Amino acid sequence: MTEPAPLGRRTAAEALGTAALAAIVVGSGIQATQLSQDVGVQLMAGSLATVFGVGALIALLGPISGAHFNPVVTLATWWTGRRTGDGPGPREVAAYAGAQIAGAIGGAVLADAMFAKPLVTWSTHDRFAGHLWLGEVVATAGLVLLIFGLARTGRAHFGPVAVACWIGAAYWFTSSTSFANPAVTIGRAFSDTFAGIAPASVLAFVAAQLVGTVVGLGLLAALFGHPTPTDEDAVVPHGEHEPAAPSPGR
């Protein structure tokens, strides 16, 4: 395997990819509400845009950074790689998470700018409810299990398609419409649009996503056991020390 890209290049890829993901989610939400007042049509538009966008972003940036675009994926990559020494260290985790959060905020602001909205307007879309938190646990657990389960079974090359499919499905079968991504959740608070989330709802969503990460890792261990040094291959290989485990969630 080739040597990993320098950390600066990897964090730039994470920032860019997460920014693009947030812009896709927020921008498609704005576009959908301008084209239709039907909530079902709006959700369909957002889910389709996100599915196609996620697949393209993972395919493009996966070879550079692993295309995490999501702090829970980065944390799970660290956790699963700690036994084999293949995971990122604390410095990489901090750099990735910071880049992802900054990128998500920038992407939401960019989407607002593209549609001539105020660049920063705190969302008033309240999402503070227990059933929504449960939806986030399910969406995030499934995402983590999918990504790392594919890696454990040597089918990581299906990652871009499989992750996009999971996100598209979870838009519809979870009550929360599957944010499953702390960085993008924070970014969406900066846009008072269909895709936004009120700042007061953010912390509970992030907590549910972290719980979902733990559940997903628990299911991974129960179903696939502990990794060996060859198990934790990248979804999109890009280096020998840090496995790529895309996916953003949204």
C-alpha atoms as a PDB file:
ATOM      1  CA  MET A   1       0.000   0.000   0.000  1.00  0.00           C
ATOM      2  CA  THR A   2       1.111   3.536  -0.622  1.00  0.00           C
ATOM      3  CA  GLU A   3       2.093   5.947   2.108  1.00  0.00           C
ATOM      4  CA  PRO A   4      -0.766   8.113   3.390  1.00  0.00           C
ATOM      5  CA  ALA A   5      -1.055  11.681   2.192  1.00  0.00           C
ATOM      6  CA  PRO A   6       0.304  14.370   4.530  1.00  0.00           C
ATOM      7  CA  LEU A   7      -2.052  15.286   7.351  1.00  0.00           C
ATOM      8  CA  GLY A   8      -2.578  18.783   5.932  1.00  0.00           C
ATOM      9  CA  ARG A   9      -3.798  17.375   2.645  1.00  0.00           C
ATOM     10  CA  ARG A  10      -6.037  14.855   4.384  1.00  0.00           C
ATOM     11  CA  THR A  11      -7.651  17.469   6.623  1.00  0.00           C
ATOM     12  CA  ALA A  12      -8.180  19.723   3.603  1.00  0.00           C
ATOM     13  CA  ALA A  13      -9.976  16.856   1.853  1.00  0.00           C
ATOM     14  CA  GLU A  14     -12.118  16.291   4.947  1.00  0.00           C
ATOM     15  CA  ALA A  15     -12.997  19.980   5.171  1.00  0.00           C
ATOM     16  CA  LEU A  16     -13.847  20.184   1.473  1.00  0.00           C
ATOM     17  CA  GLY A  17     -15.845  16.959   1.444  1.00  0.00           C
ATOM     18  CA  THR A  18     -17.857  17.858   4.553  1.00  0.00           C
ATOM     19  CA  ALA A  19     -18.481  21.357   3.204  1.00  0.00           C
ATOM     20  CA  ALA A  20     -19.775  19.887  -0.035  1.00  0.00           C
ATOM     21  CA  LEU A  21     -21.959  17.439   1.886  1.00  0.00           C
ATOM     22  CA  ALA A  22     -23.483  20.199   4.015  1.00  0.00           C
ATOM     23  CA  ALA A  23     -24.030  22.354   0.929  1.00  0.00           C
ATOM     24  CA  ILE A  24     -25.800  19.449  -0.769  1.00  0.00           C
ATOM     25  CA  VAL A  25     -28.096  18.823   2.206  1.00  0.00           C
ATOM     26  CA  VAL A  26     -28.946  22.471   2.868  1.00  0.00           C
ATOM     27  CA  GLY A  27     -28.992  23.557  -0.772  1.00  0.00           C
ATOM     28  CA  SER A  28     -31.271  20.731  -1.873  1.00  0.00           C
ATOM     29  CA  GLY A  29     -33.584  21.568   1.025  1.00  0.00           C
ATOM     30  CA  ILE A  30     -33.810  25.190  -0.064  1.00  0.00           C
ATOM     31  CA  GLN A  31     -34.340  24.244  -3.708  1.00  0.00           C
ATOM     32  CA  ALA A  32     -37.007  21.710  -2.814  1.00  0.00           C
ATOM     33  CA  THR A  33     -39.039  24.182  -0.750  1.00  0.00           C
ATOM     34  CA  GLN A  34     -38.894  26.681  -3.606  1.00  0.00           C
ATOM     35  CA  LEU A  35     -40.167  24.117  -6.107  1.00  0.00           C
ATOM     36  CA  SER A  36     -42.846  22.383  -4.021  1.00  0.00           C
ATOM     37  CA  GLN A  37     -44.825  22.831  -0.820  1.00  0.00           C
ATOM     38  CA  ASP A  38     -45.324  19.081  -0.527  1.00  0.00           C
ATOM     39  CA  VAL A  39     -43.152  17.795   2.330  1.00  0.00           C
ATOM     40  CA  GLY A  40     -42.873  14.369   0.718  1.00  0.00           C
ATOM     41  CA  VAL A  41     -41.541  15.880  -2.503  1.00  0.00           C
ATOM     42  CA  GLN A  42     -39.124  18.008  -0.488  1.00  0.00           C
ATOM     43  CA  LEU A  43     -37.810  14.956   1.342  1.00  0.00           C
ATOM     44  CA  MET A  44     -37.479  13.014  -1.905  1.00  0.00           C
ATOM     45  CA  ALA A  45     -35.465  15.824  -3.475  1.00  0.00           C
ATOM     46  CA  GLY A  46     -33.155  16.057  -0.499  1.00  0.00           C
ATOM     47  CA  SER A  47     -32.607  12.312  -0.273  1.00  0.00           C
ATOM     48  CA  LEU A  48     -31.813  11.938  -3.972  1.00  0.00           C
ATOM     49  CA  ALA A  49     -29.375  14.840  -3.952  1.00  0.00           C
ATOM     50  CA  THR A  50     -27.642  13.482  -0.857  1.00  0.00           C
ATOM     51  CA  VAL A  51     -27.380   9.917  -2.203  1.00  0.00           C
ATOM     52  CA  PHE A  52     -25.758  11.020  -5.445  1.00  0.00           C
ATOM     53  CA  GLY A  53     -23.567  13.602  -3.743  1.00  0.00           C
ATOM     54  CA  VAL A  54     -22.283  11.234  -1.055  1.00  0.00           C
ATOM     55  CA  GLY A  55     -21.343   8.566  -3.578  1.00  0.00           C
ATOM     56  CA  ALA A  56     -19.460  11.047  -5.737  1.00  0.00           C
ATOM     57  CA  LEU A  57     -17.612  12.642  -2.804  1.00  0.00           C
ATOM     58  CA  ILE A  58     -16.484   9.304  -1.369  1.00  0.00           C
ATOM     59  CA  ALA A  59     -15.239   8.138  -4.757  1.00  0.00           C
ATOM     60  CA  LEU A  60     -13.336  11.385  -5.325  1.00  0.00           C
ATOM     61  CA  LEU A  61     -11.801  12.062  -1.906  1.00  0.00           C
ATOM     62  CA  GLY A  62     -11.619   8.589  -0.380  1.00  0.00           C
ATOM     63  CA  PRO A  63      -8.120   7.889  -1.740  1.00  0.00           C
ATOM     64  CA  ILE A  64      -6.826  11.037   0.001  1.00  0.00           C
ATOM     65  CA  SER A  65      -8.400  11.055   3.453  1.00  0.00           C
ATOM     66  CA  GLY A  66     -10.675   8.034   3.643  1.00  0.00           C
ATOM     67  CA  ALA A  67     -13.696  10.281   3.066  1.00  0.00           C
ATOM     68  CA  HIS A  68     -14.960  10.203   6.636  1.00  0.00           C
ATOM     69  CA  PHE A  69     -16.749  13.592   6.477  1.00  0.00           C
ATOM     70  CA  ASN A  70     -18.156  12.670   9.878  1.00  0.00           C
ATOM     71  CA  PRO A  71     -16.625  12.795  13.378  1.00  0.00           C
ATOM     72  CA  VAL A  72     -18.318   9.558  14.454  1.00  0.00           C
ATOM     73  CA  VAL A  73     -16.679   7.721  11.559  1.00  0.00           C
ATOM     74  CA  THR A  74     -13.316   9.180  12.534  1.00  0.00           C
ATOM     75  CA  LEU A  75     -13.834   8.154  16.161  1.00  0.00           C
ATOM     76  CA  ALA A  76     -14.912   4.662  15.131  1.00  0.00           C
ATOM     77  CA  THR A  77     -11.857   4.365  12.867  1.00  0.00           C
ATOM     78  CA  TRP A  78      -9.643   5.257  15.819  1.00  0.00           C
ATOM     79  CA  TRP A  79     -11.428   2.800  18.097  1.00  0.00           C
ATOM     80  CA  THR A  80     -11.362  -0.155  15.692  1.00  0.00           C
ATOM     81  CA  GLY A  81      -7.746   0.501  14.726  1.00  0.00           C
ATOM     82  CA  ARG A  82      -6.334   0.866  18.195  1.00  0.00           C
ATOM     83  CA  ARG A  83      -5.701  -2.884  18.567  1.00  0.00           C
ATOM     84  CA  THR A  84      -3.856  -3.241  15.284  1.00  0.00           C
ATOM     85  CA  GLY A  85      -2.096   0.118  15.237  1.00  0.00           C
ATOM     86  CA  ASP A  86      -3.768   0.967  11.921  1.00  0.00           C
ATOM     87  CA  GLY A  87      -6.111   3.660  13.221  1.00  0.00           C
ATOM     88  CA  PRO A  88      -5.497   7.385  13.419  1.00  0.00           C
ATOM     89  CA  GLY A  89      -3.886   8.830  16.528  1.00  0.00           C
ATOM     90  CA  PRO A  90      -5.375  11.549  18.735  1.00  0.00           C
ATOM     91  CA  ARG A  91      -3.707  14.270  16.641  1.00  0.00           C
ATOM     92  CA  GLU A  92      -5.317  12.975  13.442  1.00  0.00           C
ATOM     93  CA  VAL A  93      -8.706  12.548  15.141  1.00  0.00           C
ATOM     94  CA  ALA A  94      -8.646  16.127  16.422  1.00  0.00           C
ATOM     95  CA  ALA A  95      -7.523  17.487  13.048  1.00  0.00           C
ATOM     96  CA  TYR A  96     -10.190  15.555  11.148  1.00  0.00           C
ATOM     97  CA  ALA A  97     -13.004  16.510  13.535  1.00  0.00           C
ATOM     98  CA  GLY A  98     -12.039  20.187  13.468  1.00  0.00           C
ATOM     99  CA  ALA A  99     -11.887  20.181   9.674  1.00  0.00           C
ATOM    100  CA  GLN A 100     -15.241  18.416   9.423  1.00  0.00           C
ATOM    101  CA  ILE A 101     -17.030  20.868  11.721  1.00  0.00           C
ATOM    102  CA  ALA A 102     -15.491  23.916  10.027  1.00  0.00           C
ATOM    103  CA  GLY A 103     -16.303  22.467   6.620  1.00  0.00           C
ATOM    104  CA  ALA A 104     -19.926  21.757   7.542  1.00  0.00           C
ATOM    105  CA  ILE A 105     -20.473  25.303   8.775  1.00  0.00           C
ATOM    106  CA  GLY A 106     -18.852  26.689   5.641  1.00  0.00           C
ATOM    107  CA  GLY A 107     -20.969  24.446   3.421  1.00  0.00           C
ATOM    108  CA  ALA A 108     -24.211  25.569   5.061  1.00  0.00           C
ATOM    109  CA  VAL A 109     -23.215  29.217   4.661  1.00  0.00           C
ATOM    110  CA  LEU A 110     -22.307  28.548   1.010  1.00  0.00           C
ATOM    111  CA  ALA A 111     -25.718  27.011   0.353  1.00  0.00           C
ATOM    112  CA  ASP A 112     -27.417  30.051   1.873  1.00  0.00           C
ATOM    113  CA  ALA A 113     -25.302  32.318  -0.327  1.00  0.00           C
ATOM    114  CA  MET A 114     -26.137  30.374  -3.501  1.00  0.00           C
ATOM    115  CA  PHE A 115     -29.849  30.909  -2.871  1.00  0.00           C
ATOM    116  CA  ALA A 116     -29.533  34.546  -1.792  1.00  0.00           C
ATOM    117  CA  LYS A 117     -30.429  33.751   1.818  1.00  0.00           C
ATOM    118  CA  PRO A 118     -28.846  35.515   4.784  1.00  0.00           C
ATOM    119  CA  LEU A 119     -25.430  33.922   5.183  1.00  0.00           C
ATOM    120  CA  VAL A 120     -25.984  33.014   8.829  1.00  0.00           C
ATOM    121  CA  THR A 121     -29.424  32.723  10.358  1.00  0.00           C
ATOM    122  CA  TRP A 122     -29.915  30.392  13.300  1.00  0.00           C
ATOM    123  CA  SER A 123     -32.414  27.682  12.477  1.00  0.00           C
ATOM    124  CA  THR A 124     -35.788  27.755  14.211  1.00  0.00           C
ATOM    125  CA  HIS A 125     -36.599  24.154  13.231  1.00  0.00           C
ATOM    126  CA  ASP A 126     -37.064  22.468  16.597  1.00  0.00           C
ATOM    127  CA  ARG A 127     -36.106  18.779  16.626  1.00  0.00           C
ATOM    128  CA  PHE A 128     -36.094  18.147  20.371  1.00  0.00           C
ATOM    129  CA  ALA A 129     -37.979  14.885  20.960  1.00  0.00           C
ATOM    130  CA  GLY A 130     -37.179  11.394  22.186  1.00  0.00           C
ATOM    131  CA  HIS A 131     -38.383   9.564  19.087  1.00  0.00           C
ATOM    132  CA  LEU A 132     -36.085  11.705  16.948  1.00  0.00           C
ATOM    133  CA  TRP A 133     -33.121  10.832  19.166  1.00  0.00           C
ATOM    134  CA  LEU A 134     -33.964   7.158  18.774  1.00  0.00           C
ATOM    135  CA  GLY A 135     -33.990   7.666  15.016  1.00  0.00           C
ATOM    136  CA  GLU A 136     -30.501   9.146  15.234  1.00  0.00           C
ATOM    137  CA  VAL A 137     -29.252   6.198  17.291  1.00  0.00           C
ATOM    138  CA  VAL A 138     -30.580   3.760  14.678  1.00  0.00           C
ATOM    139  CA  ALA A 139     -29.254   5.722  11.699  1.00  0.00           C
ATOM    140  CA  THR A 140     -25.783   6.182  13.172  1.00  0.00           C
ATOM    141  CA  ALA A 141     -25.479   2.615  14.461  1.00  0.00           C
ATOM    142  CA  GLY A 142     -26.414   1.267  11.054  1.00  0.00           C
ATOM    143  CA  LEU A 143     -23.933   3.538   9.333  1.00  0.00           C
ATOM    144  CA  VAL A 144     -21.045   2.473  11.584  1.00  0.00           C
ATOM    145  CA  LEU A 145     -21.939  -1.218  11.315  1.00  0.00           C
ATOM    146  CA  LEU A 146     -22.174  -0.989   7.526  1.00  0.00           C
ATOM    147  CA  ILE A 147     -18.854   0.783   7.000  1.00  0.00           C
ATOM    148  CA  PHE A 148     -16.766  -1.376   9.282  1.00  0.00           C
ATOM    149  CA  GLY A 149     -18.657  -4.587   8.574  1.00  0.00           C
ATOM    150  CA  LEU A 150     -17.804  -4.230   4.892  1.00  0.00           C
ATOM    151  CA  ALA A 151     -14.155  -3.683   5.816  1.00  0.00           C
ATOM    152  CA  ARG A 152     -14.111  -6.771   8.056  1.00  0.00           C
ATOM    153  CA  THR A 153     -15.500  -8.961   5.287  1.00  0.00           C
ATOM    154  CA  GLY A 154     -13.189  -7.716   2.549  1.00  0.00           C
ATOM    155  CA  ARG A 155     -15.920  -5.876   0.670  1.00  0.00           C
ATOM    156  CA  ALA A 156     -14.798  -2.341   1.422  1.00  0.00           C
ATOM    157  CA  HIS A 157     -14.853  -1.505  -2.287  1.00  0.00           C
ATOM    158  CA  PHE A 158     -18.647  -1.482  -2.076  1.00  0.00           C
ATOM    159  CA  GLY A 159     -18.437   1.374   0.443  1.00  0.00           C
ATOM    160  CA  PRO A 160     -19.352   4.344  -1.766  1.00  0.00           C
ATOM    161  CA  VAL A 161     -22.483   2.672  -3.122  1.00  0.00           C
ATOM    162  CA  ALA A 162     -23.486   0.944   0.121  1.00  0.00           C
ATOM    163  CA  VAL A 163     -23.090   4.070   2.253  1.00  0.00           C
ATOM    164  CA  ALA A 164     -25.065   6.179  -0.205  1.00  0.00           C
ATOM    165  CA  CYS A 165     -27.820   3.543  -0.232  1.00  0.00           C
ATOM    166  CA  TRP A 166     -27.984   3.428   3.584  1.00  0.00           C
ATOM    167  CA  ILE A 167     -28.205   7.197   3.854  1.00  0.00           C
ATOM    168  CA  GLY A 168     -30.916   7.352   1.206  1.00  0.00           C
ATOM    169  CA  ALA A 169     -32.945   4.642   2.936  1.00  0.00           C
ATOM    170  CA  ALA A 170     -32.487   6.165   6.396  1.00  0.00           C
ATOM    171  CA  TYR A 171     -33.859   9.489   5.143  1.00  0.00           C
ATOM    172  CA  TRP A 172     -37.172   7.694   4.862  1.00  0.00           C
ATOM    173  CA  PHE A 173     -37.331   5.027   7.561  1.00  0.00           C
ATOM    174  CA  THR A 174     -35.963   7.001  10.525  1.00  0.00           C
ATOM    175  CA  SER A 175     -38.038   9.604  12.335  1.00  0.00           C
ATOM    176  CA  SER A 176     -35.118  12.070  12.355  1.00  0.00           C
ATOM    177  CA  THR A 177     -34.458  11.738   8.589  1.00  0.00           C
ATOM    178  CA  SER A 178     -30.984  10.466   9.484  1.00  0.00           C
ATOM    179  CA  PHE A 179     -28.583  13.279  10.277  1.00  0.00           C
ATOM    180  CA  ALA A 180     -26.112  10.686  11.676  1.00  0.00           C
ATOM    181  CA  ASN A 181     -23.276  13.211  11.586  1.00  0.00           C
ATOM    182  CA  PRO A 182     -22.316  15.643  14.387  1.00  0.00           C
ATOM    183  CA  ALA A 183     -20.438  18.003  12.059  1.00  0.00           C
ATOM    184  CA  VAL A 184     -23.279  18.371   9.583  1.00  0.00           C
ATOM    185  CA  THR A 185     -25.755  18.637  12.465  1.00  0.00           C
ATOM    186  CA  ILE A 186     -23.812  21.651  13.753  1.00  0.00           C
ATOM    187  CA  GLY A 187     -23.577  23.123  10.262  1.00  0.00           C
ATOM    188  CA  ARG A 188     -27.313  22.826   9.699  1.00  0.00           C
ATOM    189  CA  ALA A 189     -27.975  24.992  12.745  1.00  0.00           C
ATOM    190  CA  PHE A 190     -26.535  27.925  10.777  1.00  0.00           C
ATOM    191  CA  SER A 191     -29.333  27.865   8.180  1.00  0.00           C
ATOM    192  CA  ASP A 192     -32.975  28.630   8.948  1.00  0.00           C
ATOM    193  CA  THR A 193     -34.277  26.456   6.124  1.00  0.00           C
ATOM    194  CA  PHE A 194     -36.082  23.156   5.598  1.00  0.00           C
ATOM    195  CA  ALA A 195     -32.886  21.227   6.410  1.00  0.00           C
ATOM    196  CA  GLY A 196     -31.996  23.239   9.509  1.00  0.00           C
ATOM    197  CA  ILE A 197     -31.982  22.270  13.159  1.00  0.00           C
ATOM    198  CA  ALA A 198     -32.480  24.706  16.033  1.00  0.00           C
ATOM    199  CA  PRO A 199     -29.299  25.234  18.084  1.00  0.00           C
ATOM    200  CA  ALA A 200     -31.142  24.079  21.205  1.00  0.00           C
ATOM    201  CA  SER A 201     -31.723  20.701  19.524  1.00  0.00           C
ATOM    202  CA  VAL A 202     -28.128  20.143  18.396  1.00  0.00           C
ATOM    203  CA  LEU A 203     -26.585  18.807  21.601  1.00  0.00           C
ATOM    204  CA  ALA A 204     -29.199  16.077  22.058  1.00  0.00           C
ATOM    205  CA  PHE A 205     -28.816  15.007  18.422  1.00  0.00           C
ATOM    206  CA  VAL A 206     -25.035  14.796  18.775  1.00  0.00           C
ATOM    207  CA  ALA A 207     -25.419  12.798  22.006  1.00  0.00           C
ATOM    208  CA  ALA A 208     -27.769  10.369  20.231  1.00  0.00           C
ATOM    209  CA  GLN A 209     -25.275  10.023  17.380  1.00  0.00           C
ATOM    210  CA  LEU A 210     -22.496   9.166  19.845  1.00  0.00           C
ATOM    211  CA  VAL A 211     -24.750   6.582  21.474  1.00  0.00           C
ATOM    212  CA  GLY A 212     -25.444   5.193  18.019  1.00  0.00           C
ATOM    213  CA  THR A 213     -21.702   4.942  17.396  1.00  0.00           C
ATOM    214  CA  VAL A 214     -21.266   2.859  20.541  1.00  0.00           C
ATOM    215  CA  VAL A 215     -24.201   0.641  19.556  1.00  0.00           C
ATOM    216  CA  GLY A 216     -22.802   0.207  16.050  1.00  0.00           C
ATOM    217  CA  LEU A 217     -19.370  -0.746  17.369  1.00  0.00           C
ATOM    218  CA  GLY A 218     -20.976  -3.183  19.798  1.00  0.00           C
ATOM    219  CA  LEU A 219     -22.890  -4.841  16.974  1.00  0.00           C
ATOM    220  CA  LEU A 220     -19.714  -4.940  14.905  1.00  0.00           C
ATOM    221  CA  ALA A 221     -17.848  -6.799  17.659  1.00  0.00           C
ATOM    222  CA  ALA A 222     -20.768  -9.167  18.257  1.00  0.00           C
ATOM    223  CA  LEU A 223     -21.196 -10.042  14.588  1.00  0.00           C
ATOM    224  CA  PHE A 224     -17.627  -9.952  13.266  1.00  0.00           C
ATOM    225  CA  GLY A 225     -15.400 -10.319  16.313  1.00  0.00           C
ATOM    226  CA  HIS A 226     -12.204  -8.386  16.929  1.00  0.00           C
ATOM    227  CA  PRO A 227     -10.065  -7.323  13.949  1.00  0.00           C
ATOM    228  CA  THR A 228      -6.775  -8.806  12.888  1.00  0.00           C
ATOM    229  CA  PRO A 229      -4.068  -6.600  11.326  1.00  0.00           C
ATOM    230  CA  THR A 230      -5.420  -7.425   7.844  1.00  0.00           C
ATOM    231  CA  ASP A 231      -9.104  -6.974   8.622  1.00  0.00           C
ATOM    232  CA  GLU A 232      -9.274  -3.208   8.853  1.00  0.00           C
ATOM    233  CA  ASP A 233      -8.663  -2.404   5.216  1.00  0.00           C
ATOM    234  CA  ALA A 234      -9.781   0.893   3.835  1.00  0.00           C
ATOM    235  CA  VAL A 235     -13.085   1.342   2.127  1.00  0.00           C
ATOM    236  CA  VAL A 236     -11.014   3.370  -0.304  1.00  0.00           C
ATOM    237  CA  PRO A 237      -7.352   2.522   0.424  1.00  0.00           C
ATOM    238  CA  HIS A 238      -5.093   5.528   0.773  1.00  0.00           C
ATOM    239  CA  GLY A 239      -2.292   4.603   3.116  1.00  0.00           C
ATOM    240  CA  GLU A 240      -0.867   1.899   5.297  1.00  0.00           C
ATOM    241  CA  HIS A 241      -1.361   3.418   8.723  1.00  0.00           C
ATOM    242  CA  GLU A 242      -4.886   4.843   8.702  1.00  0.00           C
ATOM    243  CA  PRO A 243      -7.736   2.883   7.134  1.00  0.00           C
ATOM    244  CA  ALA A 244     -10.259   4.828   5.155  1.00  0.00           C
ATOM    245  CA  ALA A 245     -13.729   4.295   6.417  1.00  0.00           C
ATOM    246  CA  PRO A 246     -16.033   6.617   4.587  1.00  0.00           C
ATOM    247  CA  SER A 247     -18.906   7.885   5.244  1.00  0.00           C
ATOM    248  CA  PRO A 248     -20.472  11.057   6.077  1.00  0.00           C
ATOM    249  CA  GLY A 249     -23.928  10.420   7.043  1.00  0.00           C
ATOM    250  CA  ARG A 250     -25.666  13.659   6.621  1.00  0.00           C
END
